[in-house]
Amino acid sequence: MQIVEQNWSWMQKPANALELIEKAGRTCYKSDDRISPGTS
């Protein structure tokens, strides 16, 4: 098991709810480099 230092940051309000869900999910699983237009 790997213990990760906790952190947080303020998120801007996205244009729609799907973008917010995608941003949160990809940040959680460290795949935020795969976010691009049309992926949500």
N, C-alpha and C. Protein backbone atom coordinates (compact mmCIF):
# COMPACT_ATOMS: atom_id res chain seq x y z
N MET A 1 0.85 -1.17 0.00
CA MET A 1 0.00 0.00 0.00
C MET A 1 0.90 1.23 0.00
N GLN A 2 0.50 2.22 -0.78
CA GLN A 2 1.25 3.47 -0.87
C GLN A 2 0.42 4.57 -0.20
N ILE A 3 1.02 5.26 0.75
CA ILE A 3 0.34 6.37 1.42
C ILE A 3 0.68 7.65 0.68
N VAL A 4 -0.36 8.38 0.29
CA VAL A 4 -0.20 9.60 -0.50
C VAL A 4 -0.52 10.80 0.38
N GLU A 5 0.30 11.82 0.29
CA GLU A 5 0.07 13.06 1.03
C GLU A 5 -1.21 13.72 0.52
N GLN A 6 -2.11 14.05 1.43
CA GLN A 6 -3.36 14.67 1.00
C GLN A 6 -3.14 16.12 0.60
N ASN A 7 -3.96 16.60 -0.33
CA ASN A 7 -3.92 18.00 -0.73
C ASN A 7 -5.27 18.37 -1.32
N TRP A 8 -5.46 19.63 -1.61
CA TRP A 8 -6.71 20.11 -2.18
C TRP A 8 -6.43 21.35 -3.01
N SER A 9 -7.39 21.69 -3.85
CA SER A 9 -7.29 22.93 -4.62
C SER A 9 -8.69 23.39 -4.99
N TRP A 10 -8.86 24.68 -5.18
CA TRP A 10 -10.14 25.23 -5.59
C TRP A 10 -10.36 24.91 -7.06
N MET A 11 -11.59 24.53 -7.42
CA MET A 11 -11.91 24.24 -8.80
C MET A 11 -12.82 25.34 -9.34
N GLN A 12 -12.57 25.75 -10.57
CA GLN A 12 -13.44 26.71 -11.23
C GLN A 12 -14.76 26.04 -11.59
N LYS A 13 -15.84 26.78 -11.60
CA LYS A 13 -17.13 26.23 -12.00
C LYS A 13 -17.08 25.95 -13.50
N PRO A 14 -17.26 24.70 -13.92
CA PRO A 14 -17.19 24.36 -15.34
C PRO A 14 -18.45 24.78 -16.09
N ALA A 15 -18.39 24.69 -17.40
CA ALA A 15 -19.52 25.07 -18.24
C ALA A 15 -20.71 24.12 -18.03
N ASN A 16 -20.43 22.85 -17.75
CA ASN A 16 -21.53 21.91 -17.50
C ASN A 16 -21.13 20.87 -16.46
N ALA A 17 -22.11 20.14 -15.98
CA ALA A 17 -21.88 19.17 -14.91
C ALA A 17 -20.99 18.01 -15.35
N LEU A 18 -21.08 17.60 -16.62
CA LEU A 18 -20.25 16.49 -17.09
C LEU A 18 -18.77 16.83 -17.01
N GLU A 19 -18.41 18.07 -17.29
CA GLU A 19 -17.00 18.47 -17.18
C GLU A 19 -16.53 18.38 -15.74
N LEU A 20 -17.37 18.77 -14.79
CA LEU A 20 -17.01 18.69 -13.38
C LEU A 20 -16.80 17.25 -12.95
N ILE A 21 -17.70 16.36 -13.37
CA ILE A 21 -17.58 14.94 -13.02
C ILE A 21 -16.32 14.34 -13.63
N GLU A 22 -16.04 14.67 -14.89
CA GLU A 22 -14.83 14.15 -15.55
C GLU A 22 -13.58 14.66 -14.84
N LYS A 23 -13.54 15.94 -14.53
CA LYS A 23 -12.37 16.53 -13.86
C LYS A 23 -12.12 15.85 -12.52
N ALA A 24 -13.17 15.65 -11.73
CA ALA A 24 -13.02 15.01 -10.42
C ALA A 24 -12.56 13.56 -10.56
N GLY A 25 -13.17 12.82 -11.47
CA GLY A 25 -12.80 11.41 -11.66
C GLY A 25 -11.39 11.23 -12.17
N ARG A 26 -11.01 12.02 -13.14
CA ARG A 26 -9.66 11.89 -13.71
C ARG A 26 -8.59 12.37 -12.74
N THR A 27 -8.91 13.36 -11.93
CA THR A 27 -7.96 13.81 -10.91
C THR A 27 -7.77 12.72 -9.86
N CYS A 28 -8.86 12.08 -9.47
CA CYS A 28 -8.82 11.01 -8.48
C CYS A 28 -7.94 9.86 -8.95
N TYR A 29 -8.06 9.50 -10.22
CA TYR A 29 -7.30 8.37 -10.76
C TYR A 29 -6.03 8.79 -11.49
N LYS A 30 -5.63 10.05 -11.32
CA LYS A 30 -4.39 10.60 -11.90
C LYS A 30 -4.31 10.40 -13.41
N SER A 31 -5.45 10.57 -14.11
CA SER A 31 -5.44 10.50 -15.57
C SER A 31 -5.89 11.84 -16.14
N ASP A 32 -5.61 12.93 -15.40
CA ASP A 32 -6.07 14.24 -15.84
C ASP A 32 -5.37 14.72 -17.10
N ASP A 33 -4.29 14.06 -17.52
CA ASP A 33 -3.63 14.42 -18.78
C ASP A 33 -4.45 13.96 -19.99
N ARG A 34 -5.47 13.14 -19.77
CA ARG A 34 -6.31 12.64 -20.87
C ARG A 34 -7.55 13.49 -21.10
N ILE A 35 -7.72 14.57 -20.35
CA ILE A 35 -8.86 15.45 -20.54
C ILE A 35 -8.65 16.26 -21.82
N SER A 36 -9.62 16.21 -22.71
CA SER A 36 -9.57 16.99 -23.94
C SER A 36 -10.99 17.36 -24.34
N PRO A 37 -11.14 18.29 -25.25
CA PRO A 37 -12.49 18.68 -25.67
C PRO A 37 -13.27 17.46 -26.21
N GLY A 38 -14.46 17.28 -25.72
CA GLY A 38 -15.30 16.19 -26.20
C GLY A 38 -15.17 14.88 -25.45
N THR A 39 -14.33 14.81 -24.41
CA THR A 39 -14.19 13.55 -23.69
C THR A 39 -15.21 13.38 -22.58
N SER A 40 -15.90 14.44 -22.19
CA SER A 40 -16.89 14.29 -21.10
C SER A 40 -18.26 13.98 -21.64
